[in-house]
Amino acid sequence: MKLDIAYEKSIDIGGRDTQYFYVMSLEYPFNEAIEYYKRLLIEISDRQQTILFERIFGYQRYRQKVMAVRKNVLKQRMLPEHPISFIEGKSVSEMPIAGIVIHAVGSETA
């Protein structure tokens, strides 16, 4: 399973940290989509970046399952909680999770 992440980065005005915007479109069944989501959180952790805000687009009936997976990954990786919005929205192919947008910061050398 290849982790397809489209992301952009830009240096902040102070030049100390880099901002990262991770964008994933998840046109997969729930179990596969959740594996991609977990891998994205782990990748961000491995890069020693701090998540500032997270948005997940999908069916609200999957919110509890997604939040449980998220809580587990954050606990396992000893990552701090961060703001999150779970926004009701279906994908074009009507999969349970339409997409994820994560805003993170970290040093450019990480």
Protein backbone atom coordinates (compact mmCIF):
# COMPACT_ATOMS: atom_id res chain seq x y z
CA MET A 1 0.00 0.00 0.00
CA LYS A 2 1.63 3.22 -1.17
CA LEU A 3 0.99 6.32 0.95
CA ASP A 4 -0.09 8.98 -1.53
CA ILE A 5 0.29 12.34 0.18
CA ALA A 6 0.04 15.61 -1.66
CA TYR A 7 1.66 18.29 0.44
CA GLU A 8 3.05 21.77 0.18
CA LYS A 9 5.44 23.51 2.49
CA SER A 10 6.23 27.15 3.05
CA ILE A 11 8.69 28.90 5.34
CA ASP A 12 7.17 31.20 7.93
CA ILE A 13 8.22 34.84 8.14
CA GLY A 14 10.69 34.16 10.97
CA GLY A 15 12.33 31.39 8.96
CA ARG A 16 12.70 29.05 11.93
CA ASP A 17 9.98 26.53 11.19
CA THR A 18 8.41 25.16 8.06
CA GLN A 19 4.67 24.79 7.65
CA TYR A 20 3.39 21.56 6.11
CA PHE A 21 -0.03 21.00 4.60
CA TYR A 22 -0.89 17.35 4.08
CA VAL A 23 -3.85 16.66 1.82
CA MET A 24 -5.20 13.18 1.20
CA SER A 25 -8.18 12.12 -0.87
CA LEU A 26 -9.32 8.73 0.35
CA GLU A 27 -11.43 6.92 -2.23
CA TYR A 28 -11.18 3.59 -0.39
CA PRO A 29 -13.39 1.40 1.81
CA PHE A 30 -13.25 2.37 5.50
CA ASN A 31 -10.65 -0.15 6.71
CA GLU A 32 -8.20 0.77 3.96
CA ALA A 33 -8.82 4.52 4.41
CA ILE A 34 -8.18 4.26 8.14
CA GLU A 35 -4.87 2.49 7.49
CA TYR A 36 -3.78 5.39 5.26
CA TYR A 37 -4.82 7.83 7.97
CA LYS A 38 -2.81 5.98 10.63
CA ARG A 39 0.23 5.87 8.34
CA LEU A 40 -0.06 9.62 7.73
CA LEU A 41 -0.08 10.35 11.47
CA ILE A 42 2.95 8.07 11.95
CA GLU A 43 4.78 9.72 9.03
CA ILE A 44 4.23 13.16 10.56
CA SER A 45 5.48 11.85 13.91
CA ASP A 46 8.55 10.29 12.28
CA ARG A 47 9.35 13.66 10.69
CA GLN A 48 9.17 15.21 14.18
CA GLN A 49 6.50 17.65 13.10
CA THR A 50 3.80 19.07 15.35
CA ILE A 51 0.22 18.97 14.12
CA LEU A 52 -1.53 22.30 14.56
CA PHE A 53 -4.92 21.45 13.10
CA GLU A 54 -6.62 18.56 11.40
CA ARG A 55 -9.75 18.33 9.24
CA ILE A 56 -11.40 15.07 8.29
CA PHE A 57 -14.20 14.96 5.75
CA GLY A 58 -16.54 12.00 5.84
CA TYR A 59 -19.77 10.48 7.05
CA GLN A 60 -20.55 11.41 10.67
CA ARG A 61 -21.52 7.81 11.44
CA TYR A 62 -17.80 6.92 11.14
CA ARG A 63 -16.62 9.75 13.41
CA GLN A 64 -16.36 7.65 16.60
CA LYS A 65 -14.33 4.94 14.84
CA VAL A 66 -11.97 7.49 13.31
CA MET A 67 -11.54 9.31 16.62
CA ALA A 68 -10.77 6.02 18.43
CA VAL A 69 -8.06 5.17 15.89
CA ARG A 70 -6.67 8.71 16.13
CA LYS A 71 -6.58 8.58 19.95
CA ASN A 72 -4.79 5.21 19.85
CA VAL A 73 -2.11 6.43 17.40
CA LEU A 74 -1.52 9.64 19.37
CA LYS A 75 -1.17 7.62 22.59
CA GLN A 76 1.17 5.02 21.04
CA ARG A 77 3.39 7.70 19.48
CA MET A 78 3.17 9.95 22.58
CA LEU A 79 1.85 12.82 20.48
CA PRO A 80 -0.05 15.73 22.01
CA GLU A 81 -3.73 16.30 21.32
CA HIS A 82 -4.48 18.96 18.75
CA PRO A 83 -7.60 20.63 17.38
CA ILE A 84 -9.64 18.60 14.93
CA SER A 85 -12.79 19.12 12.90
CA PHE A 86 -14.76 16.20 11.53
CA ILE A 87 -16.82 17.64 8.69
CA GLU A 88 -19.81 15.83 7.22
CA GLY A 89 -19.16 15.18 3.58
CA LYS A 90 -19.26 12.29 1.19
CA SER A 91 -16.71 11.44 -1.43
CA VAL A 92 -17.60 11.36 -5.11
CA SER A 93 -17.54 7.55 -4.97
CA GLU A 94 -19.53 7.61 -1.70
CA MET A 95 -16.74 6.13 0.41
CA PRO A 96 -16.95 6.77 4.19
CA ILE A 97 -13.92 9.08 4.42
CA ALA A 98 -13.65 11.67 1.63
CA GLY A 99 -10.37 13.30 2.63
CA ILE A 100 -7.99 14.63 5.25
CA VAL A 101 -6.17 17.95 5.58
CA ILE A 102 -3.49 18.33 8.26
CA HIS A 103 -1.54 21.52 9.03
CA ALA A 104 1.76 20.83 10.82
CA VAL A 105 5.01 22.61 11.61
CA GLY A 106 8.54 21.40 12.09
CA SER A 107 12.11 22.31 11.43
CA GLU A 108 13.19 22.05 7.81
CA THR A 109 15.92 19.60 8.78
CA ALA A 110 13.46 17.12 10.37
